[in-house]
Protein backbone atom coordinates (compact mmCIF):
# COMPACT_ATOMS: atom_id res chain seq x y z
CA MET A 1 -24.72 91.15 10.46
CA GLY A 2 -24.47 94.23 8.25
CA LYS A 3 -25.49 92.23 5.17
CA LEU A 4 -28.36 90.68 7.10
CA THR A 5 -29.64 94.08 8.24
CA SER A 6 -29.36 95.40 4.70
CA PHE A 7 -31.26 92.40 3.34
CA PHE A 8 -34.16 92.86 5.74
CA LYS A 9 -34.32 96.60 5.06
CA SER A 10 -34.54 95.99 1.33
CA ASN A 11 -37.23 93.30 1.82
CA ILE A 12 -39.16 94.96 4.63
CA ARG A 13 -42.38 94.98 2.58
CA GLN A 14 -42.16 91.23 2.05
CA TYR A 15 -41.45 90.19 5.63
CA GLY A 16 -42.97 93.00 7.72
CA MET A 17 -46.61 92.02 7.24
CA VAL A 18 -45.86 88.28 7.64
CA ILE A 19 -44.37 89.04 11.06
CA ALA A 20 -47.37 91.26 11.85
CA LEU A 21 -49.77 88.42 10.86
CA LEU A 22 -47.95 86.00 13.17
CA PHE A 23 -48.18 88.45 16.09
CA ILE A 24 -51.89 89.10 15.42
CA MET A 25 -52.63 85.38 15.30
CA LEU A 26 -50.70 84.68 18.50
CA PHE A 27 -52.38 87.65 20.23
CA PHE A 28 -55.90 86.45 19.42
CA GLN A 29 -55.00 82.82 20.17
CA VAL A 30 -53.99 83.87 23.70
CA ILE A 31 -56.73 86.43 24.34
CA THR A 32 -59.53 84.13 23.06
CA GLY A 33 -58.34 81.26 25.22
CA GLY A 34 -57.25 79.11 22.27
CA ILE A 35 -60.46 79.40 20.25
CA LEU A 36 -58.77 80.99 17.20
CA PHE A 37 -56.82 77.84 16.26
CA LYS A 38 -59.58 75.35 17.00
CA PRO A 39 -60.19 73.12 13.94
CA MET A 40 -63.74 74.37 13.34
CA ASN A 41 -62.67 78.01 13.57
CA VAL A 42 -59.69 77.51 11.23
CA THR A 43 -62.05 75.95 8.68
CA ASN A 44 -64.46 78.86 9.08
CA LEU A 45 -61.60 81.31 8.55
CA VAL A 46 -60.84 79.67 5.20
CA LEU A 47 -64.48 79.55 4.10
CA GLN A 48 -65.34 83.08 5.25
CA ASN A 49 -62.35 84.78 3.62
CA SER A 50 -62.13 82.86 0.36
CA TYR A 51 -64.01 85.49 -1.66
CA VAL A 52 -61.77 88.31 -0.39
CA LEU A 53 -58.64 86.41 -1.33
CA ILE A 54 -59.96 85.54 -4.80
CA LEU A 55 -60.92 89.17 -5.45
CA GLY A 56 -57.63 90.33 -3.94
CA VAL A 57 -55.63 88.35 -6.51
CA GLY A 58 -57.38 90.18 -9.35
CA MET A 59 -57.38 93.53 -7.56
CA LEU A 60 -53.61 93.28 -7.09
CA LEU A 61 -53.06 93.48 -10.86
CA CYS A 62 -55.27 96.57 -11.04
CA ILE A 63 -53.37 98.20 -8.16
CA VAL A 64 -50.00 97.30 -9.69
CA THR A 65 -51.05 99.37 -12.74
CA GLY A 66 -51.68 102.27 -10.33
CA ASN A 67 -55.48 101.97 -10.32
CA VAL A 68 -58.34 100.15 -8.57
CA ASP A 69 -61.63 98.48 -9.51
CA LEU A 70 -64.58 99.77 -7.48
CA SER A 71 -67.13 97.58 -9.26
CA VAL A 72 -66.16 94.10 -8.06
CA GLY A 73 -68.71 93.91 -5.23
CA SER A 74 -71.53 94.78 -7.62
CA VAL A 75 -70.16 92.36 -10.23
CA VAL A 76 -70.16 89.59 -7.61
CA ALA A 77 -73.85 90.28 -6.93
CA PHE A 78 -74.66 90.58 -10.65
CA VAL A 79 -72.92 87.31 -11.48
CA GLY A 80 -74.74 85.56 -8.63
CA ALA A 81 -78.06 86.87 -9.95
CA VAL A 82 -77.28 85.77 -13.52
CA SER A 83 -76.17 82.31 -12.35
CA ALA A 84 -79.42 81.95 -10.39
CA VAL A 85 -81.50 82.81 -13.45
CA LEU A 86 -79.52 80.37 -15.59
CA MET A 87 -79.38 77.43 -13.21
CA ILE A 88 -82.48 77.87 -11.03
CA ASP A 89 -85.04 79.51 -13.34
CA LEU A 90 -83.95 78.22 -16.75
CA LYS A 91 -82.71 74.84 -15.41
CA ILE A 92 -79.50 75.01 -17.46
CA PRO A 93 -77.07 72.20 -16.49
CA VAL A 94 -74.52 73.18 -13.86
CA VAL A 95 -71.42 72.86 -16.07
CA ALA A 96 -72.97 74.97 -18.84
CA GLY A 97 -74.30 77.45 -16.27
CA VAL A 98 -70.90 77.88 -14.64
CA PHE A 99 -69.23 78.32 -18.04
CA LEU A 100 -71.76 80.98 -19.11
CA THR A 101 -71.45 82.74 -15.75
CA LEU A 102 -67.66 82.95 -16.02
CA LEU A 103 -67.99 84.15 -19.62
CA ILE A 104 -70.38 86.91 -18.52
CA GLY A 105 -67.89 87.95 -15.82
CA LEU A 106 -65.16 88.13 -18.46
CA MET A 107 -67.44 90.24 -20.66
CA VAL A 108 -68.16 92.62 -17.77
CA GLY A 109 -64.42 93.03 -17.15
CA SER A 110 -63.86 93.57 -20.88
CA PHE A 111 -66.58 96.23 -20.85
CA HIS A 112 -64.64 98.14 -18.19
CA GLY A 113 -61.32 97.46 -19.91
CA PHE A 114 -62.55 98.88 -23.22
CA PHE A 115 -63.45 102.27 -21.73
CA ILE A 116 -60.29 102.38 -19.60
CA ALA A 117 -57.73 101.17 -22.13
CA PHE A 118 -59.01 102.42 -25.48
CA LEU A 119 -61.17 105.44 -24.62
CA ARG A 120 -58.72 106.54 -21.88
CA ILE A 121 -61.44 107.21 -19.30
CA PRO A 122 -59.98 107.09 -15.76
CA PRO A 123 -60.48 103.65 -14.13
CA PHE A 124 -61.92 105.26 -11.01
CA ILE A 125 -64.78 106.77 -13.05
CA VAL A 126 -65.40 103.69 -15.20
CA THR A 127 -65.50 101.25 -12.29
CA LEU A 128 -67.56 103.65 -10.17
CA ALA A 129 -70.07 103.70 -13.01
CA GLY A 130 -69.83 99.90 -13.21
CA MET A 131 -70.54 99.66 -9.49
CA LEU A 132 -73.80 101.55 -9.99
CA ILE A 133 -74.74 99.83 -13.28
CA PHE A 134 -74.30 96.25 -12.12
CA ARG A 135 -75.84 96.83 -8.69
CA GLY A 136 -78.86 98.26 -10.48
CA LEU A 137 -78.99 95.36 -12.95
CA THR A 138 -78.81 92.93 -10.04
CA MET A 139 -81.90 94.54 -8.53
CA VAL A 140 -83.65 94.40 -11.92
CA ILE A 141 -82.84 90.71 -12.46
CA LEU A 142 -83.81 89.61 -8.96
CA LYS A 143 -86.67 92.13 -8.61
CA GLY A 144 -85.57 92.74 -5.04
CA GLN A 145 -86.05 89.09 -4.12
CA THR A 146 -83.76 86.18 -3.23
CA LYS A 147 -83.44 83.21 -5.59
CA ALA A 148 -82.65 79.80 -4.11
CA PRO A 149 -81.61 77.02 -3.83
CA PHE A 150 -78.63 76.21 -6.04
CA ASP A 151 -77.60 72.73 -7.09
CA LYS A 152 -75.59 70.83 -4.47
CA SER A 153 -72.47 70.98 -6.67
CA ILE A 154 -72.52 74.81 -6.56
CA GLN A 155 -72.87 74.70 -2.79
CA ASN A 156 -69.87 72.36 -2.61
CA ILE A 157 -67.64 74.88 -4.41
CA ALA A 158 -67.97 77.24 -1.46
CA ALA A 159 -68.75 75.02 1.49
CA GLY A 160 -67.87 71.45 0.46
CA PHE A 161 -64.85 69.31 1.36
CA ILE A 162 -62.72 66.85 -0.58
CA PRO A 163 -64.58 63.55 -0.17
CA GLY A 164 -62.90 60.56 1.45
CA ASP A 165 -63.34 58.34 4.51
CA TRP A 166 -59.65 57.46 4.95
CA HIS A 167 -58.47 58.45 8.44
CA ILE A 168 -55.13 58.40 10.25
CA GLY A 169 -55.51 58.35 14.01
CA GLY A 170 -58.93 59.96 13.80
CA LEU A 171 -57.71 62.67 11.39
CA ASN A 172 -58.68 63.07 7.73
CA GLY A 173 -55.91 61.18 5.89
CA ILE A 174 -56.24 63.13 2.63
CA ALA A 175 -55.61 66.44 4.44
CA ILE A 176 -52.53 65.02 6.20
CA VAL A 177 -51.07 63.68 2.93
CA ILE A 178 -51.76 66.98 1.12
CA GLY A 179 -49.90 68.84 3.88
CA ILE A 180 -46.87 66.54 3.56
CA VAL A 181 -46.83 66.77 -0.26
CA MET A 182 -47.13 70.57 -0.17
CA SER A 183 -44.27 70.73 2.34
CA ILE A 184 -42.00 68.63 0.11
CA LEU A 185 -42.87 70.68 -2.98
CA PHE A 186 -42.23 73.93 -1.08
CA ILE A 187 -38.83 72.76 0.19
CA VAL A 188 -37.74 71.65 -3.29
CA SER A 189 -38.91 74.91 -4.90
CA GLN A 190 -37.14 77.05 -2.30
CA LEU A 191 -33.86 75.14 -2.65
CA ASN A 192 -34.06 75.37 -6.46
CA SER A 193 -34.79 79.09 -6.25
CA ARG A 194 -31.84 79.62 -3.91
CA ALA A 195 -29.52 77.67 -6.22
CA LYS A 196 -30.58 79.74 -9.25
CA LYS A 197 -30.09 83.02 -7.37
CA LYS A 198 -26.61 82.00 -6.24
CA LYS A 199 -25.76 80.91 -9.78
CA TYR A 200 -26.41 84.44 -11.06
CA ASP A 201 -24.93 86.16 -7.96
CA PHE A 202 -28.27 87.45 -6.66
CA GLU A 203 -28.60 88.28 -2.97
CA VAL A 204 -29.83 85.35 -0.84
CA LEU A 205 -30.53 84.81 2.84
CA PRO A 206 -27.77 83.27 4.97
CA ILE A 207 -28.21 79.50 5.00
CA GLY A 208 -29.25 79.48 8.67
CA LEU A 209 -32.04 81.99 8.10
CA GLU A 210 -33.07 80.22 4.90
CA ILE A 211 -33.49 76.97 6.84
CA ALA A 212 -35.38 78.81 9.60
CA LYS A 213 -37.74 80.41 7.04
CA ILE A 214 -38.41 77.10 5.28
CA THR A 215 -38.97 75.34 8.62
CA LEU A 216 -41.41 78.01 9.80
CA ILE A 217 -43.48 77.84 6.60
CA VAL A 218 -43.48 74.02 6.55
CA VAL A 219 -44.70 74.02 10.17
CA ALA A 220 -47.42 76.55 9.24
CA ILE A 221 -48.55 74.41 6.28
CA ASN A 222 -48.80 71.28 8.39
CA LEU A 223 -50.51 73.06 11.29
CA LEU A 224 -53.13 74.31 8.83
CA THR A 225 -53.72 70.89 7.26
CA PHE A 226 -53.66 69.23 10.72
CA ASN A 227 -56.40 71.56 11.95
CA LEU A 228 -58.43 71.01 8.79
CA ALA A 229 -57.92 67.25 9.13
CA ALA A 230 -59.28 67.38 12.68
CA TYR A 231 -62.55 68.83 11.36
CA ASN A 232 -63.91 67.86 7.92
CA GLY A 233 -60.75 67.84 5.83
CA ILE A 234 -59.67 70.14 3.00
CA PRO A 235 -62.33 72.61 1.77
CA ILE A 236 -62.81 72.55 -2.01
CA VAL A 237 -62.58 76.33 -2.12
CA LEU A 238 -59.09 76.11 -0.57
CA ILE A 239 -57.96 73.95 -3.51
CA LEU A 240 -59.46 76.51 -5.90
CA LEU A 241 -57.71 79.32 -4.07
CA GLY A 242 -54.41 77.44 -4.06
CA LEU A 243 -54.61 76.96 -7.84
CA LEU A 244 -55.31 80.66 -8.36
CA ILE A 245 -52.39 81.65 -6.13
CA PHE A 246 -50.04 79.31 -8.00
CA ILE A 247 -51.21 80.43 -11.46
CA TYR A 248 -51.11 84.16 -10.76
CA THR A 249 -47.82 83.99 -8.86
CA PHE A 250 -46.35 82.27 -11.91
CA ILE A 251 -47.87 84.86 -14.27
CA THR A 252 -46.67 87.85 -12.28
CA GLN A 253 -43.17 86.56 -11.54
CA ARG A 254 -42.24 84.29 -14.44
CA THR A 255 -43.95 85.59 -17.60
CA ILE A 256 -43.50 88.47 -20.00
CA ALA A 257 -47.14 89.46 -19.49
CA GLY A 258 -46.52 89.82 -15.76
CA ARG A 259 -43.43 91.96 -16.31
CA HIS A 260 -45.44 94.19 -18.64
CA ILE A 261 -48.04 94.80 -15.93
CA TYR A 262 -45.35 95.90 -13.46
CA ALA A 263 -43.65 98.01 -16.13
CA LEU A 264 -46.96 99.74 -16.87
CA GLY A 265 -47.48 100.48 -13.19
CA GLY A 266 -43.92 101.68 -12.67
CA ASN A 267 -43.89 104.16 -15.56
CA GLU A 268 -46.49 103.96 -18.31
CA LYS A 269 -44.67 106.28 -20.72
CA ALA A 270 -41.36 104.44 -20.34
CA ALA A 271 -43.13 101.11 -20.77
CA ARG A 272 -44.79 102.29 -23.98
CA LEU A 273 -41.48 103.53 -25.36
CA SER A 274 -39.94 100.16 -24.48
CA GLY A 275 -42.44 98.38 -26.70
CA VAL A 276 -45.05 97.35 -24.13
CA LYS A 277 -48.56 97.49 -25.61
CA THR A 278 -49.95 99.35 -22.64
CA GLN A 279 -53.53 99.54 -23.92
CA LYS A 280 -53.79 95.77 -24.33
CA VAL A 281 -52.17 95.19 -20.95
CA MET A 282 -54.65 97.52 -19.23
CA PHE A 283 -57.57 95.92 -21.10
CA TRP A 284 -56.66 92.38 -20.06
CA VAL A 285 -56.00 93.40 -16.45
CA TYR A 286 -59.59 94.59 -16.11
CA ALA A 287 -61.01 91.72 -18.18
CA ASN A 288 -59.22 89.36 -15.78
CA MET A 289 -60.70 91.23 -12.81
CA GLY A 290 -64.18 90.57 -14.17
CA PHE A 291 -63.37 86.88 -14.61
CA LEU A 292 -62.14 86.52 -11.02
CA ALA A 293 -65.14 88.51 -9.75
CA ALA A 294 -67.31 85.89 -11.50
CA ILE A 295 -65.48 83.09 -9.68
CA ALA A 296 -65.95 84.95 -6.38
CA GLY A 297 -69.62 85.48 -7.27
CA LEU A 298 -70.16 81.75 -7.70
CA VAL A 299 -68.37 81.09 -4.40
CA VAL A 300 -70.55 83.63 -2.57
CA ALA A 301 -73.74 82.29 -4.18
CA GLY A 302 -72.75 78.74 -3.25
CA ARG A 303 -71.96 79.70 0.34
CA LEU A 304 -75.28 81.53 0.76
CA ASN A 305 -77.04 78.90 -1.37
CA ALA A 306 -78.88 81.86 -2.86
CA ALA A 307 -78.55 84.95 -5.04
CA THR A 308 -79.44 88.09 -3.08
CA PRO A 309 -79.63 91.78 -4.11
CA LYS A 310 -77.26 92.82 -1.30
CA ALA A 311 -74.55 90.24 -2.02
CA GLY A 312 -71.07 91.67 -2.52
CA THR A 313 -71.65 94.86 -0.53
CA ASN A 314 -68.25 96.46 0.29
CA PHE A 315 -66.34 93.48 -1.15
CA GLU A 316 -64.28 95.89 -3.25
CA LEU A 317 -63.08 97.64 -0.09
CA ASP A 318 -62.00 94.34 1.49
CA ALA A 319 -60.08 93.35 -1.65
CA ILE A 320 -58.35 96.74 -1.94
CA ALA A 321 -57.46 96.68 1.76
CA ALA A 322 -55.97 93.18 1.42
CA CYS A 323 -53.68 94.38 -1.39
CA TYR A 324 -52.46 97.50 0.41
CA ILE A 325 -51.98 95.76 3.75
CA GLY A 326 -50.10 93.00 1.90
CA GLY A 327 -47.48 95.46 0.60
CA ALA A 328 -48.88 96.75 -2.71
CA SER A 329 -47.96 100.36 -3.40
CA ALA A 330 -50.65 103.01 -3.80
CA SER A 331 -48.63 104.52 -6.66
CA GLY A 332 -48.40 101.23 -8.61
CA GLY A 333 -45.59 98.97 -9.78
CA VAL A 334 -45.19 97.10 -6.47
CA GLY A 335 -47.04 94.13 -4.96
CA THR A 336 -47.14 90.34 -4.88
CA VAL A 337 -49.89 87.72 -4.90
CA VAL A 338 -48.53 86.11 -1.72
CA GLY A 339 -48.43 89.52 -0.02
CA THR A 340 -52.09 90.06 -0.94
CA ILE A 341 -52.99 86.70 0.59
CA VAL A 342 -51.15 87.70 3.78
CA GLY A 343 -53.00 91.04 3.79
CA GLY A 344 -56.34 89.28 3.35
CA LEU A 345 -55.51 86.91 6.21
CA VAL A 346 -54.63 89.86 8.45
CA MET A 347 -58.09 91.32 7.83
CA GLY A 348 -59.73 87.90 8.21
CA VAL A 349 -58.02 87.11 11.51
CA LEU A 350 -58.85 90.58 12.83
CA ASN A 351 -62.51 90.10 11.90
CA ASN A 352 -62.66 86.61 13.35
CA GLY A 353 -60.76 87.40 16.53
CA MET A 354 -62.79 90.51 17.30
CA SER A 355 -66.04 88.64 16.60
CA ILE A 356 -65.03 85.89 19.06
CA LEU A 357 -64.30 88.59 21.67
CA GLY A 358 -67.69 90.20 21.05
CA VAL A 359 -66.31 93.47 19.70
CA SER A 360 -69.10 95.46 18.03
CA VAL A 361 -69.18 95.83 14.24
CA ASP A 362 -68.67 99.59 14.62
CA TRP A 363 -65.35 99.12 16.41
CA GLN A 364 -64.34 96.37 14.01
CA GLN A 365 -64.71 98.77 11.08
CA THR A 366 -62.75 101.45 12.96
CA ILE A 367 -59.87 99.11 13.79
CA LYS A 368 -59.69 97.73 10.23
CA GLY A 369 -59.61 101.29 8.90
CA LEU A 370 -56.72 102.16 11.20
CA VAL A 371 -54.83 99.04 10.10
CA LEU A 372 -55.29 100.01 6.44
CA LEU A 373 -54.18 103.58 7.09
CA GLY A 374 -51.14 102.31 8.99
CA ALA A 375 -50.19 99.98 6.12
CA VAL A 376 -50.34 102.81 3.57
CA CYS A 377 -48.37 105.13 5.87
CA PHE A 378 -45.75 102.40 6.19
CA ASP A 379 -45.61 102.14 2.39
CA VAL A 380 -45.10 105.89 2.04
CA TYR A 381 -42.46 105.93 4.79
CA THR A 382 -40.39 103.08 3.35
CA LYS A 383 -40.61 104.58 -0.13
CA SER A 384 -39.41 107.99 1.10
CA ARG A 385 -36.48 106.35 2.91
CA ASN A 386 -35.46 104.43 -0.20
CA THR A 387 -35.72 107.61 -2.29
CA SER A 388 -33.63 109.67 0.14
CA ARG A 389 -30.70 107.22 0.08
């Protein structure tokens, strides 16, 4: 029992918010009379929060370095405007238009990264300037008007579903099979990870708790896919999001580049003395943020089926909140992709649940602010306890 208590104390960041998310979901499921977990509402939760989760993945890397990117909302709007000009006005083919749009997003991120990494201008100032610059350019490009409609394929990125008429007992068969395959892959990966940790004498959960954790997550995966199968199946944007989570989890946990980002956030001077090329790391972190903001911009444009001057407003705040609520440290060096996804889901479920209950937008903002403040206070408290030991 002592070892178990010690394990949970040392991993409180990782498990605390997951437990909080479960309680929040159960609370709103009960208080809304079961509406929260209805198939249509679960699908809407995925579609409505996809942009926050995509931006959160990129924002996490910025926060791990000890900084933030305030420009992402404006970049989302700017990218949407540029994509509209390319694909609606200039009639450029969709594939070429998407490629050029993503390239422009990468260039925007590189623009920020150059000033931050090589001219040593504080990221707060650079991205604040970027927020103003790209919001202004969006207004210039669109001339205060909305451009629409996009090609059906762009709409499908944000609001489409994996095609297929195969059904099992009235449920979308593809969604059911995907849930089963994901469950098997998750079980195998967790057992392999446990075996490797034991091989090198790393701390692992007791076998009973390990089985309970795996069972809980497998049930969650299949409940999600079951609900999606009962509506229209798997949203395309969920596949995109899943790929991004897998890729960036691998980068942050299994690659040298990922370790360099955490080293930079933990102690920049020590990282530089250890041979980490901190300027290049910082540059690519912000270039990557621009690239992911471009993906989010295409998703938002596809969901709205239009490019609008006000698109992306306050998106940067949602992404930052998702990271901090998900366990990222305000001082840098700490945070995970999965934690960010959990943080984004906490915000998404709060938004959705309060909207179902008819809570006014004013109170929704207040409650989300309190949740964010509580998450940061929790971070400071746990850090002070670890330091005092």
